[in-house]
Every structure is written in structure tokens, then in C-alpha cells.
Amino acid sequence: MGIDLDRHHVRDGHRTLERIEIDEYTEVPKSTNPYVKLLVRLYKFLARRTDAPFNKTVLRRLMMSKTNRPPVSLSKIVATAANKHSAKTHEGKTIVIVGTVTDDNRMLEVPKLSIAALRFTASARARVEKAGGECLTIDEVATRFPTGSNTLLLRGPKNSREAFKHFGFGPHSHKKPYVESKGRKFERARGRRRSRGFKV
């Protein structure tokens, strides 16, 4: 059995995309969702026909697996795009997220926003529309902003998954150990008995 070299140690498609021209780009998206596949076809066309880096970025993110398209909460969107420092800069812009937009009930008021995303949770969509904003789909972005002008691309924190805490190698990397038993005699005893790493 061999190793698929194209995908070996590559979490997303950006390494191959940088080396291969868009019109020769033949990789398929990680998602099996037929709607995502249609969006990939649309943005392959736009990336080939326009010179806009926006379309290449959206295409690259559509190619990614779901774990590499983390959700973005409304509070994160407001903190980035509608805070007192950047509100004037981003005024009138449509926020584009290649992923899911989720609600945050810690945020009491939602300003009027224009957001485009692959998916909205029901409560997030209701709050945006109640505030007078609009929830767009990614294909609507392609018709309204074919070059990505007047848009702001955001994405969620890719390395915030619990699994990422375990990644790393060797001592001093602060990686989280995989522990099944959590009693006083096991990993918790590290530093207190010689059989558990070291004893002080």
C-alpha cells in the first residue's frame, strides 16, 4: 500500500494551489456535499477568468475539509468588523465567511450587518435579519461581487479544536497528553514519582 503524496501531511489545499495554476487545478474538494461541489466549479471559473485574489482564496477555502473551515460566531464578526475602530473602514462591506456563522447569546445587541456564509444557524440568521441585516449565500457573492470588491473575508480559529492541544513532539512542546486514567497515580502523579516521568 502506498502513500498518497498529494495529501500526505497537508491539512488543506493551499500548498498544492500555490504551485499549480488555477486552470490546471484538478484536485477535488474534501467535502462530499453536492452544493459545495457546485460552488467549487463556480469559483474555479471565476478564479480562472478574473485576476482577483479574492476568488482564489474562496476557492482554496471551499476545497478544505470541515475541520479546516471552523465556525465563526456573531460576536467575533462584530468585534472584527463593527467595532468602534474599524466600523468606518468596513462600513457598507459584506462580510464573507467560507464556513458556518453561529449565534452568541452573550452579545445582547447585533448591529446591522451584511454577511455571506456557507451556512447560518437558525438563531444567528434570525438575529441578523431582525437587526435589519442580510444573510447571503456564497453564490450570491459571486453574482454581486465577482471580483470580491467591497467585501471582507473572515475565518474562524483553525487551531482551537481540542485535538490540536495534543499535537506536537517531544518534551518542552507543551502538548497535552492522551490520558485514559485520571486518578492520583497516573498522569496527575507526574513529578511526584519516578515511574511517571520524574520525581522532585
N, C-alpha and C. Protein backbone atom coordinates (compact mmCIF):
# COMPACT_ATOMS: atom_id res chain seq x y z
N MET A 1 0.84 -1.19 0.00
CA MET A 1 0.00 0.00 0.00
C MET A 1 0.88 1.25 0.00
N GLY A 2 0.61 2.19 -0.90
CA GLY A 2 1.44 3.39 -0.99
C GLY A 2 0.84 4.57 -0.27
N ILE A 3 1.56 5.67 -0.28
CA ILE A 3 1.10 6.91 0.35
C ILE A 3 0.66 7.86 -0.75
N ASP A 4 -0.49 8.48 -0.54
CA ASP A 4 -0.95 9.49 -1.49
C ASP A 4 -0.14 10.76 -1.24
N LEU A 5 0.89 10.98 -2.04
CA LEU A 5 1.84 12.06 -1.78
C LEU A 5 1.19 13.44 -1.85
N ASP A 6 0.15 13.58 -2.68
CA ASP A 6 -0.51 14.89 -2.80
C ASP A 6 -1.14 15.32 -1.48
N ARG A 7 -1.62 14.35 -0.70
CA ARG A 7 -2.34 14.69 0.53
C ARG A 7 -1.52 14.42 1.79
N HIS A 8 -0.31 13.88 1.65
CA HIS A 8 0.46 13.47 2.83
C HIS A 8 0.91 14.68 3.65
N HIS A 9 0.51 14.75 4.90
CA HIS A 9 0.84 15.83 5.83
C HIS A 9 0.32 17.19 5.37
N VAL A 10 -0.70 17.23 4.54
CA VAL A 10 -1.26 18.51 4.10
C VAL A 10 -2.68 18.60 4.65
N ARG A 11 -2.91 19.60 5.51
CA ARG A 11 -4.23 19.72 6.12
C ARG A 11 -5.22 20.47 5.23
N ASP A 12 -4.70 21.29 4.32
CA ASP A 12 -5.61 21.98 3.40
C ASP A 12 -4.94 22.05 2.03
N GLY A 13 -5.65 22.64 1.08
CA GLY A 13 -5.16 22.60 -0.28
C GLY A 13 -4.20 23.69 -0.68
N HIS A 14 -3.78 24.56 0.26
CA HIS A 14 -3.04 25.74 -0.18
C HIS A 14 -1.64 25.44 -0.71
N ARG A 15 -1.02 24.35 -0.25
CA ARG A 15 0.34 24.07 -0.71
C ARG A 15 0.35 23.69 -2.20
N THR A 16 -0.62 22.88 -2.59
CA THR A 16 -0.68 22.49 -3.99
C THR A 16 -1.18 23.64 -4.85
N LEU A 17 -2.09 24.44 -4.31
CA LEU A 17 -2.68 25.53 -5.10
C LEU A 17 -1.65 26.57 -5.46
N GLU A 18 -0.67 26.82 -4.57
CA GLU A 18 0.34 27.83 -4.86
C GLU A 18 1.28 27.39 -5.98
N ARG A 19 1.46 26.08 -6.14
CA ARG A 19 2.42 25.58 -7.12
C ARG A 19 1.77 25.34 -8.49
N ILE A 20 0.46 25.16 -8.50
CA ILE A 20 -0.22 24.82 -9.75
C ILE A 20 -1.14 25.96 -10.15
N GLU A 21 -1.16 26.30 -11.41
CA GLU A 21 -2.05 27.35 -11.89
C GLU A 21 -3.50 26.92 -11.70
N ILE A 22 -4.38 27.91 -11.49
CA ILE A 22 -5.79 27.62 -11.22
C ILE A 22 -6.44 26.83 -12.36
N ASP A 23 -6.14 27.18 -13.63
CA ASP A 23 -6.80 26.50 -14.74
C ASP A 23 -6.35 25.04 -14.88
N GLU A 24 -5.21 24.70 -14.27
CA GLU A 24 -4.75 23.32 -14.30
C GLU A 24 -5.09 22.59 -13.00
N TYR A 25 -5.77 23.29 -12.10
CA TYR A 25 -6.02 22.75 -10.77
C TYR A 25 -7.10 21.67 -10.85
N THR A 26 -6.72 20.44 -10.62
CA THR A 26 -7.64 19.33 -10.83
C THR A 26 -8.05 18.64 -9.54
N GLU A 27 -7.60 19.14 -8.40
CA GLU A 27 -7.95 18.49 -7.14
C GLU A 27 -9.44 18.65 -6.85
N VAL A 28 -10.00 17.67 -6.17
CA VAL A 28 -11.42 17.74 -5.83
C VAL A 28 -11.56 18.22 -4.39
N PRO A 29 -12.69 18.85 -4.04
CA PRO A 29 -12.86 19.32 -2.66
C PRO A 29 -12.97 18.16 -1.69
N LYS A 30 -12.59 18.41 -0.45
CA LYS A 30 -12.69 17.39 0.59
C LYS A 30 -14.15 17.05 0.89
N SER A 31 -15.02 18.06 0.76
CA SER A 31 -16.44 17.87 1.07
C SER A 31 -17.13 17.02 0.01
N THR A 32 -18.07 16.20 0.46
CA THR A 32 -18.88 15.41 -0.48
C THR A 32 -20.23 16.07 -0.72
N ASN A 33 -20.45 17.23 -0.12
CA ASN A 33 -21.70 17.96 -0.27
C ASN A 33 -21.84 18.43 -1.73
N PRO A 34 -22.93 18.07 -2.41
CA PRO A 34 -23.07 18.46 -3.83
C PRO A 34 -23.14 19.97 -4.04
N TYR A 35 -23.67 20.71 -3.04
CA TYR A 35 -23.75 22.17 -3.17
C TYR A 35 -22.36 22.80 -3.09
N VAL A 36 -21.52 22.26 -2.23
CA VAL A 36 -20.13 22.75 -2.14
C VAL A 36 -19.39 22.44 -3.44
N LYS A 37 -19.66 21.28 -4.02
CA LYS A 37 -19.01 20.92 -5.29
C LYS A 37 -19.41 21.88 -6.41
N LEU A 38 -20.68 22.31 -6.41
CA LEU A 38 -21.14 23.29 -7.41
C LEU A 38 -20.46 24.64 -7.20
N LEU A 39 -20.31 25.02 -5.92
CA LEU A 39 -19.61 26.28 -5.62
C LEU A 39 -18.15 26.22 -6.06
N VAL A 40 -17.53 25.06 -5.92
CA VAL A 40 -16.14 24.89 -6.35
C VAL A 40 -16.04 25.09 -7.86
N ARG A 41 -16.99 24.53 -8.60
CA ARG A 41 -17.00 24.72 -10.06
C ARG A 41 -17.15 26.20 -10.43
N LEU A 42 -18.05 26.87 -9.70
CA LEU A 42 -18.29 28.30 -9.96
C LEU A 42 -17.04 29.13 -9.69
N TYR A 43 -16.39 28.88 -8.54
CA TYR A 43 -15.22 29.69 -8.17
C TYR A 43 -13.96 29.28 -8.94
N LYS A 44 -13.91 28.06 -9.46
CA LYS A 44 -12.82 27.70 -10.37
C LYS A 44 -12.90 28.57 -11.63
N PHE A 45 -14.14 28.73 -12.11
CA PHE A 45 -14.36 29.56 -13.30
C PHE A 45 -13.97 31.01 -13.02
N LEU A 46 -14.44 31.55 -11.87
CA LEU A 46 -14.14 32.95 -11.52
C LEU A 46 -12.65 33.17 -11.30
N ALA A 47 -12.00 32.21 -10.64
CA ALA A 47 -10.56 32.33 -10.37
C ALA A 47 -9.76 32.32 -11.67
N ARG A 48 -10.27 31.57 -12.65
CA ARG A 48 -9.58 31.48 -13.93
C ARG A 48 -9.82 32.73 -14.77
N ARG A 49 -11.05 33.26 -14.73
CA ARG A 49 -11.41 34.36 -15.62
C ARG A 49 -11.12 35.75 -15.05
N THR A 50 -10.99 35.85 -13.73
CA THR A 50 -10.66 37.14 -13.12
C THR A 50 -9.28 37.04 -12.49
N ASP A 51 -8.67 38.18 -12.27
CA ASP A 51 -7.34 38.19 -11.65
C ASP A 51 -7.43 38.41 -10.14
N ALA A 52 -8.65 38.43 -9.61
CA ALA A 52 -8.86 38.81 -8.21
C ALA A 52 -8.38 37.72 -7.26
N PRO A 53 -7.51 38.07 -6.31
CA PRO A 53 -7.06 37.08 -5.31
C PRO A 53 -8.20 36.58 -4.43
N PHE A 54 -9.28 37.40 -4.32
CA PHE A 54 -10.45 37.02 -3.51
C PHE A 54 -11.01 35.68 -3.97
N ASN A 55 -11.19 35.51 -5.28
CA ASN A 55 -11.79 34.28 -5.81
C ASN A 55 -10.89 33.07 -5.58
N LYS A 56 -9.57 33.27 -5.67
CA LYS A 56 -8.63 32.17 -5.43
C LYS A 56 -8.66 31.76 -3.96
N THR A 57 -8.81 32.76 -3.09
CA THR A 57 -8.87 32.47 -1.65
C THR A 57 -10.14 31.71 -1.30
N VAL A 58 -11.28 32.17 -1.84
CA VAL A 58 -12.56 31.49 -1.58
C VAL A 58 -12.51 30.06 -2.12
N LEU A 59 -11.95 29.88 -3.31
CA LEU A 59 -11.82 28.53 -3.89
C LEU A 59 -10.97 27.64 -3.00
N ARG A 60 -9.85 28.19 -2.52
CA ARG A 60 -8.96 27.40 -1.66
C ARG A 60 -9.68 26.97 -0.38
N ARG A 61 -10.47 27.87 0.18
CA ARG A 61 -11.18 27.54 1.42
C ARG A 61 -12.34 26.57 1.18
N LEU A 62 -12.96 26.65 0.01
CA LEU A 62 -14.02 25.69 -0.32
C LEU A 62 -13.45 24.28 -0.46
N MET A 63 -12.19 24.18 -0.86
CA MET A 63 -11.53 22.88 -1.03
C MET A 63 -11.21 22.22 0.31
N MET A 64 -11.17 23.00 1.37
CA MET A 64 -10.72 22.48 2.66
C MET A 64 -11.75 21.55 3.30
N SER A 65 -11.25 20.73 4.21
CA SER A 65 -12.14 19.86 4.98
C SER A 65 -12.90 20.69 6.01
N LYS A 66 -13.91 20.09 6.60
CA LYS A 66 -14.77 20.85 7.52
C LYS A 66 -14.00 21.30 8.77
N THR A 67 -13.05 20.50 9.21
CA THR A 67 -12.27 20.89 10.39
C THR A 67 -11.40 22.10 10.12
N ASN A 68 -11.07 22.32 8.84
CA ASN A 68 -10.29 23.49 8.48
C ASN A 68 -11.16 24.67 8.04
N ARG A 69 -12.49 24.50 8.18
CA ARG A 69 -13.43 25.60 7.96
C ARG A 69 -14.21 25.82 9.26
N PRO A 70 -13.54 26.27 10.32
CA PRO A 70 -14.21 26.36 11.62
C PRO A 70 -15.30 27.42 11.63
N PRO A 71 -16.30 27.27 12.51
CA PRO A 71 -17.39 28.26 12.57
C PRO A 71 -16.92 29.59 13.15
N VAL A 72 -17.65 30.64 12.81
CA VAL A 72 -17.37 31.99 13.32
C VAL A 72 -18.62 32.49 14.01
N SER A 73 -18.47 32.99 15.23
CA SER A 73 -19.64 33.49 15.96
C SER A 73 -19.94 34.93 15.59
N LEU A 74 -21.18 35.34 15.84
CA LEU A 74 -21.59 36.72 15.55
C LEU A 74 -20.75 37.72 16.35
N SER A 75 -20.40 37.35 17.59
CA SER A 75 -19.61 38.27 18.42
C SER A 75 -18.22 38.50 17.82
N LYS A 76 -17.65 37.44 17.22
CA LYS A 76 -16.33 37.57 16.58
C LYS A 76 -16.43 38.48 15.35
N ILE A 77 -17.52 38.34 14.60
CA ILE A 77 -17.73 39.17 13.42
C ILE A 77 -17.87 40.63 13.82
N VAL A 78 -18.68 40.88 14.85
CA VAL A 78 -18.90 42.26 15.32
C VAL A 78 -17.60 42.84 15.87
N ALA A 79 -16.85 42.03 16.64
CA ALA A 79 -15.59 42.51 17.22
C ALA A 79 -14.58 42.88 16.15
N THR A 80 -14.61 42.17 15.03
CA THR A 80 -13.64 42.43 13.96
C THR A 80 -14.10 43.53 13.01
N ALA A 81 -15.35 43.46 12.60
CA ALA A 81 -15.80 44.32 11.50
C ALA A 81 -16.63 45.52 11.94
N ALA A 82 -17.22 45.47 13.12
CA ALA A 82 -18.12 46.55 13.50
C ALA A 82 -17.76 47.19 14.84
N ASN A 83 -16.48 47.11 15.23
CA ASN A 83 -16.09 47.77 16.48
C ASN A 83 -15.85 49.26 16.23
N LYS A 84 -15.62 50.02 17.29
CA LYS A 84 -15.55 51.49 17.16
C LYS A 84 -14.35 51.95 16.32
N HIS A 85 -13.30 51.11 16.24
CA HIS A 85 -12.12 51.50 15.47
C HIS A 85 -12.27 51.21 13.98
N SER A 86 -12.91 50.07 13.66
CA SER A 86 -12.96 49.65 12.25
C SER A 86 -14.33 49.84 11.59
N ALA A 87 -15.31 50.35 12.34
CA ALA A 87 -16.67 50.46 11.79
C ALA A 87 -16.71 51.34 10.54
N LYS A 88 -15.97 52.46 10.56
CA LYS A 88 -15.97 53.36 9.40
C LYS A 88 -15.23 52.74 8.22
N THR A 89 -14.14 52.04 8.52
CA THR A 89 -13.35 51.41 7.46
C THR A 89 -14.16 50.35 6.72
N HIS A 90 -14.91 49.54 7.49
CA HIS A 90 -15.65 48.42 6.90
C HIS A 90 -17.12 48.74 6.66
N GLU A 91 -17.49 50.00 6.76
CA GLU A 91 -18.90 50.38 6.59
C GLU A 91 -19.37 50.05 5.17
N GLY A 92 -20.52 49.37 5.09
CA GLY A 92 -21.08 49.03 3.78
C GLY A 92 -20.49 47.78 3.15
N LYS A 93 -19.49 47.18 3.80
CA LYS A 93 -18.87 45.98 3.23
C LYS A 93 -19.67 44.73 3.61
N THR A 94 -19.62 43.74 2.74
CA THR A 94 -20.24 42.45 3.03
C THR A 94 -19.17 41.52 3.59
N ILE A 95 -19.47 40.92 4.74
CA ILE A 95 -18.52 40.02 5.39
C ILE A 95 -18.72 38.62 4.80
N VAL A 96 -17.65 38.03 4.29
CA VAL A 96 -17.73 36.71 3.65
C VAL A 96 -17.01 35.68 4.52
N ILE A 97 -17.73 34.60 4.84
CA ILE A 97 -17.17 33.53 5.66
C ILE A 97 -17.42 32.20 4.96
N VAL A 98 -16.35 31.51 4.60
CA VAL A 98 -16.49 30.19 3.97
C VAL A 98 -16.58 29.16 5.10
N GLY A 99 -17.75 29.09 5.69
CA GLY A 99 -17.99 28.23 6.85
C GLY A 99 -19.34 28.56 7.44
N THR A 100 -19.50 28.24 8.72
CA THR A 100 -20.78 28.44 9.41
C THR A 100 -20.72 29.67 10.29
N VAL A 101 -21.82 30.42 10.34
CA VAL A 101 -21.96 31.55 11.26
C VAL A 101 -22.86 31.09 12.40
N THR A 102 -22.37 31.23 13.63
CA THR A 102 -23.13 30.79 14.80
C THR A 102 -23.54 31.98 15.66
N ASP A 103 -24.52 31.75 16.50
CA ASP A 103 -25.03 32.80 17.39
C ASP A 103 -24.16 32.86 18.65
N ASP A 104 -24.22 33.99 19.35
CA ASP A 104 -23.55 34.13 20.64
C ASP A 104 -24.51 34.87 21.56
N ASN A 105 -25.11 34.14 22.50
CA ASN A 105 -26.13 34.78 23.34
C ASN A 105 -25.54 35.69 24.42
N ARG A 106 -24.20 35.75 24.50
CA ARG A 106 -23.58 36.71 25.42
C ARG A 106 -23.63 38.12 24.85
N MET A 107 -23.82 38.21 23.53
CA MET A 107 -23.91 39.52 22.87
C MET A 107 -25.38 39.94 22.84
N LEU A 108 -25.68 41.04 23.51
CA LEU A 108 -27.08 41.44 23.67
C LEU A 108 -27.63 42.15 22.44
N GLU A 109 -26.80 42.94 21.76
CA GLU A 109 -27.26 43.68 20.59
C GLU A 109 -26.41 43.34 19.37
N VAL A 110 -27.09 43.13 18.25
CA VAL A 110 -26.39 42.85 16.99
C VAL A 110 -26.60 44.04 16.06
N PRO A 111 -25.52 44.65 15.55
CA PRO A 111 -25.69 45.76 14.61
C PRO A 111 -26.16 45.27 13.24
N LYS A 112 -26.54 46.20 12.39
CA LYS A 112 -26.97 45.85 11.04
C LYS A 112 -25.76 45.40 10.23
N LEU A 113 -25.79 44.15 9.76
CA LEU A 113 -24.65 43.57 9.06
C LEU A 113 -25.10 42.87 7.78
N SER A 114 -24.22 42.85 6.81
CA SER A 114 -24.43 42.06 5.60
C SER A 114 -23.40 40.93 5.62
N ILE A 115 -23.87 39.70 5.80
CA ILE A 115 -22.96 38.55 5.96
C ILE A 115 -23.28 37.49 4.91
N ALA A 116 -22.25 36.96 4.30
CA ALA A 116 -22.39 35.83 3.38
C ALA A 116 -21.63 34.65 3.96
N ALA A 117 -22.26 33.48 3.97
CA ALA A 117 -21.62 32.29 4.54
C ALA A 117 -22.16 31.03 3.88
N LEU A 118 -21.45 29.93 4.08
CA LEU A 118 -21.94 28.64 3.58
C LEU A 118 -23.21 28.24 4.31
N ARG A 119 -23.26 28.58 5.61
CA ARG A 119 -24.40 28.15 6.42
C ARG A 119 -24.56 29.08 7.61
N PHE A 120 -25.80 29.30 8.04
CA PHE A 120 -26.11 30.07 9.25
C PHE A 120 -26.90 29.17 10.19
N THR A 121 -26.62 29.25 11.47
CA THR A 121 -27.51 28.57 12.41
C THR A 121 -28.81 29.36 12.44
N ALA A 122 -29.90 28.71 12.85
CA ALA A 122 -31.23 29.35 12.80
C ALA A 122 -31.27 30.62 13.65
N SER A 123 -30.68 30.57 14.86
CA SER A 123 -30.73 31.73 15.75
C SER A 123 -29.85 32.86 15.24
N ALA A 124 -28.71 32.52 14.61
CA ALA A 124 -27.82 33.55 14.06
C ALA A 124 -28.51 34.27 12.90
N ARG A 125 -29.16 33.51 12.02
CA ARG A 125 -29.87 34.11 10.89
C ARG A 125 -31.00 35.02 11.37
N ALA A 126 -31.74 34.54 12.39
CA ALA A 126 -32.87 35.32 12.90
C ALA A 126 -32.40 36.65 13.50
N ARG A 127 -31.28 36.62 14.22
CA ARG A 127 -30.78 37.85 14.86
C ARG A 127 -30.25 38.85 13.85
N VAL A 128 -29.56 38.36 12.82
CA VAL A 128 -29.03 39.26 11.78
C VAL A 128 -30.18 39.92 11.03
N GLU A 129 -31.19 39.14 10.67
CA GLU A 129 -32.32 39.68 9.91
C GLU A 129 -33.19 40.60 10.77
N LYS A 130 -33.30 40.29 12.05
CA LYS A 130 -34.08 41.14 12.96
C LYS A 130 -33.43 42.52 13.11
N ALA A 131 -32.09 42.56 13.04
CA ALA A 131 -31.36 43.82 13.16
C ALA A 131 -31.37 44.62 11.86
N GLY A 132 -32.04 44.09 10.82
CA GLY A 132 -32.10 44.80 9.54
C GLY A 132 -30.99 44.44 8.59
N GLY A 133 -30.19 43.43 8.95
CA GLY A 133 -29.10 42.99 8.08
C GLY A 133 -29.57 41.96 7.07
N GLU A 134 -28.61 41.37 6.36
CA GLU A 134 -28.97 40.35 5.37
C GLU A 134 -28.00 39.18 5.46
N CYS A 135 -28.54 37.99 5.19
CA CYS A 135 -27.75 36.76 5.17
C CYS A 135 -27.69 36.26 3.74
N LEU A 136 -26.51 36.28 3.16
CA LEU A 136 -26.34 35.88 1.76
C LEU A 136 -25.69 34.51 1.67
N THR A 137 -25.83 33.89 0.51
CA THR A 137 -25.13 32.64 0.23
C THR A 137 -23.85 32.97 -0.55
N ILE A 138 -22.96 31.99 -0.66
CA ILE A 138 -21.68 32.22 -1.34
C ILE A 138 -21.88 32.44 -2.84
N ASP A 139 -22.89 31.79 -3.43
CA ASP A 139 -23.13 32.00 -4.86
C ASP A 139 -23.72 33.39 -5.14
N GLU A 140 -24.43 33.96 -4.16
CA GLU A 140 -24.91 35.34 -4.31
C GLU A 140 -23.74 36.33 -4.29
N VAL A 141 -22.70 35.99 -3.54
CA VAL A 141 -21.48 36.82 -3.53
C VAL A 141 -20.86 36.83 -4.93
N ALA A 142 -20.87 35.67 -5.58
CA ALA A 142 -20.28 35.57 -6.93
C ALA A 142 -21.00 36.46 -7.93
N THR A 143 -22.33 36.59 -7.79
CA THR A 143 -23.08 37.44 -8.73
C THR A 143 -22.97 38.92 -8.36
N ARG A 144 -22.96 39.22 -7.06
CA ARG A 144 -22.90 40.63 -6.63
C ARG A 144 -21.49 41.20 -6.69
N PHE A 145 -20.52 40.40 -6.23
CA PHE A 145 -19.13 40.87 -6.16
C PHE A 145 -18.22 39.86 -6.86
N PRO A 146 -18.24 39.82 -8.19
CA PRO A 146 -17.44 38.80 -8.90
C PRO A 146 -15.94 38.92 -8.69
N THR A 147 -15.47 40.12 -8.31
CA THR A 147 -14.02 40.27 -8.04
C THR A 147 -13.73 40.40 -6.55
N GLY A 148 -14.78 40.35 -5.72
CA GLY A 148 -14.58 40.46 -4.27
C GLY A 148 -14.43 41.87 -3.77
N SER A 149 -14.74 42.86 -4.60
CA SER A 149 -14.65 44.25 -4.15
C SER A 149 -15.74 44.53 -3.13
N ASN A 150 -15.44 45.40 -2.19
CA ASN A 150 -16.38 45.79 -1.13
C ASN A 150 -16.79 44.61 -0.24
N THR A 151 -15.87 43.67 -0.05
CA THR A 151 -16.12 42.54 0.84
C THR A 151 -14.99 42.44 1.87
N LEU A 152 -15.25 41.70 2.92
CA LEU A 152 -14.25 41.46 3.96
C LEU A 152 -14.26 39.96 4.28
N LEU A 153 -13.16 39.28 3.97
CA LEU A 153 -13.06 37.84 4.21
C LEU A 153 -12.63 37.57 5.65
N LEU A 154 -13.40 36.77 6.36
CA LEU A 154 -13.03 36.37 7.72
C LEU A 154 -13.05 34.85 7.81
N ARG A 155 -12.32 34.32 8.78
CA ARG A 155 -12.42 32.89 9.06
C ARG A 155 -12.20 32.62 10.54
N GLY A 156 -12.67 31.46 10.98
CA GLY A 156 -12.59 31.12 12.39
C GLY A 156 -11.21 30.63 12.79
N PRO A 157 -11.00 30.43 14.09
CA PRO A 157 -9.70 29.96 14.58
C PRO A 157 -9.50 28.48 14.26
N LYS A 158 -8.56 28.19 13.37
CA LYS A 158 -8.38 26.82 12.88
C LYS A 158 -7.77 25.91 13.94
N ASN A 159 -6.96 26.48 14.83
CA ASN A 159 -6.23 25.66 15.79
C ASN A 159 -6.87 25.62 17.17
N SER A 160 -8.15 25.95 17.26
CA SER A 160 -8.80 25.98 18.57
C SER A 160 -9.48 24.67 18.93
N ARG A 161 -9.44 23.70 18.03
CA ARG A 161 -10.05 22.40 18.34
C ARG A 161 -9.31 21.73 19.49
N GLU A 162 -10.01 20.92 20.25
CA GLU A 162 -9.40 20.21 21.37
C GLU A 162 -8.29 19.29 20.88
N ALA A 163 -8.46 18.73 19.68
CA ALA A 163 -7.46 17.81 19.14
C ALA A 163 -6.11 18.48 18.95
N PHE A 164 -6.10 19.79 18.65
CA PHE A 164 -4.85 20.50 18.41
C PHE A 164 -3.98 20.58 19.66
N LYS A 165 -4.59 20.48 20.84
CA LYS A 165 -3.82 20.56 22.08
C LYS A 165 -2.89 19.35 22.23
N HIS A 166 -3.23 18.26 21.53
CA HIS A 166 -2.42 17.04 21.63
C HIS A 166 -1.30 17.00 20.60
N PHE A 167 -1.30 17.90 19.63
CA PHE A 167 -0.31 17.85 18.55
C PHE A 167 1.02 18.42 19.02
N GLY A 168 2.11 17.89 18.49
CA GLY A 168 3.44 18.35 18.88
C GLY A 168 4.32 17.14 19.12
N PHE A 169 5.60 17.38 19.38
CA PHE A 169 6.51 16.26 19.55
C PHE A 169 7.53 16.58 20.62
N GLY A 170 7.79 15.58 21.44
CA GLY A 170 8.90 15.66 22.39
C GLY A 170 8.61 16.52 23.60
N PRO A 171 9.58 16.54 24.53
CA PRO A 171 9.42 17.39 25.71
C PRO A 171 9.51 18.87 25.35
N HIS A 172 9.02 19.71 26.22
CA HIS A 172 9.04 21.17 26.09
C HIS A 172 8.15 21.69 24.95
N SER A 173 7.28 20.84 24.41
CA SER A 173 6.39 21.33 23.35
C SER A 173 5.02 21.70 23.92
N HIS A 174 4.80 21.44 25.21
CA HIS A 174 3.55 21.76 25.90
C HIS A 174 2.34 21.05 25.31
N LYS A 175 2.58 19.92 24.65
CA LYS A 175 1.43 19.22 24.09
C LYS A 175 0.69 18.50 25.21
N LYS A 176 -0.61 18.35 25.02
CA LYS A 176 -1.45 17.72 26.03
C LYS A 176 -1.37 16.20 25.88
N PRO A 177 -1.11 15.47 26.95
CA PRO A 177 -1.00 14.01 26.81
C PRO A 177 -2.37 13.36 26.61
N TYR A 178 -2.37 12.22 25.93
CA TYR A 178 -3.59 11.42 25.81
C TYR A 178 -3.69 10.57 27.07
N VAL A 179 -4.64 10.86 27.93
CA VAL A 179 -4.74 10.19 29.22
C VAL A 179 -6.09 9.50 29.31
N GLU A 180 -6.05 8.19 29.61
CA GLU A 180 -7.31 7.47 29.82
C GLU A 180 -7.68 7.45 31.29
N SER A 181 -6.67 7.17 32.15
CA SER A 181 -6.93 7.14 33.58
C SER A 181 -6.52 8.47 34.20
N LYS A 182 -7.40 9.04 35.00
CA LYS A 182 -7.13 10.38 35.53
C LYS A 182 -7.00 10.40 37.05
N GLY A 183 -6.65 9.25 37.65
CA GLY A 183 -6.52 9.18 39.09
C GLY A 183 -5.20 9.76 39.58
N ARG A 184 -4.99 9.75 40.91
CA ARG A 184 -3.81 10.36 41.51
C ARG A 184 -2.53 9.61 41.16
N LYS A 185 -2.63 8.32 40.77
CA LYS A 185 -1.43 7.51 40.49
C LYS A 185 -1.00 7.58 39.03
N PHE A 186 -1.71 8.30 38.20
CA PHE A 186 -1.45 8.26 36.76
C PHE A 186 -0.80 9.57 36.31
N GLU A 187 -1.29 10.20 35.27
CA GLU A 187 -0.64 11.40 34.74
C GLU A 187 -0.56 12.51 35.78
N ARG A 188 -1.51 12.53 36.69
CA ARG A 188 -1.53 13.55 37.74
C ARG A 188 -0.31 13.43 38.66
N ALA A 189 0.27 12.23 38.71
CA ALA A 189 1.43 11.99 39.58
C ALA A 189 2.75 12.39 38.92
N ARG A 190 2.71 12.97 37.74
CA ARG A 190 3.93 13.39 37.04
C ARG A 190 4.69 14.39 37.91
N GLY A 191 5.97 14.11 38.15
CA GLY A 191 6.77 14.98 39.01
C GLY A 191 6.78 14.53 40.45
N ARG A 192 5.93 13.54 40.78
CA ARG A 192 5.85 13.09 42.17
C ARG A 192 6.31 11.64 42.35
N ARG A 193 6.46 10.91 41.25
CA ARG A 193 7.01 9.56 41.33
C ARG A 193 7.82 9.25 40.07
N ARG A 194 8.90 8.47 40.27
CA ARG A 194 9.85 8.24 39.18
C ARG A 194 9.21 7.52 37.98
N SER A 195 8.23 6.69 38.25
CA SER A 195 7.60 5.94 37.16
C SER A 195 6.71 6.81 36.28
N ARG A 196 6.50 8.06 36.69
CA ARG A 196 5.65 8.97 35.92
C ARG A 196 6.45 10.17 35.42
N GLY A 197 7.56 9.88 34.74
CA GLY A 197 8.36 10.95 34.14
C GLY A 197 9.54 11.35 34.99
N PHE A 198 9.28 11.93 36.17
CA PHE A 198 10.37 12.34 37.05
C PHE A 198 9.80 12.57 38.45
N LYS A 199 10.71 12.64 39.42
CA LYS A 199 10.30 12.89 40.80
C LYS A 199 11.11 14.04 41.36
N VAL A 200 10.43 14.99 41.98
CA VAL A 200 11.11 16.14 42.58
C VAL A 200 11.29 15.88 44.05
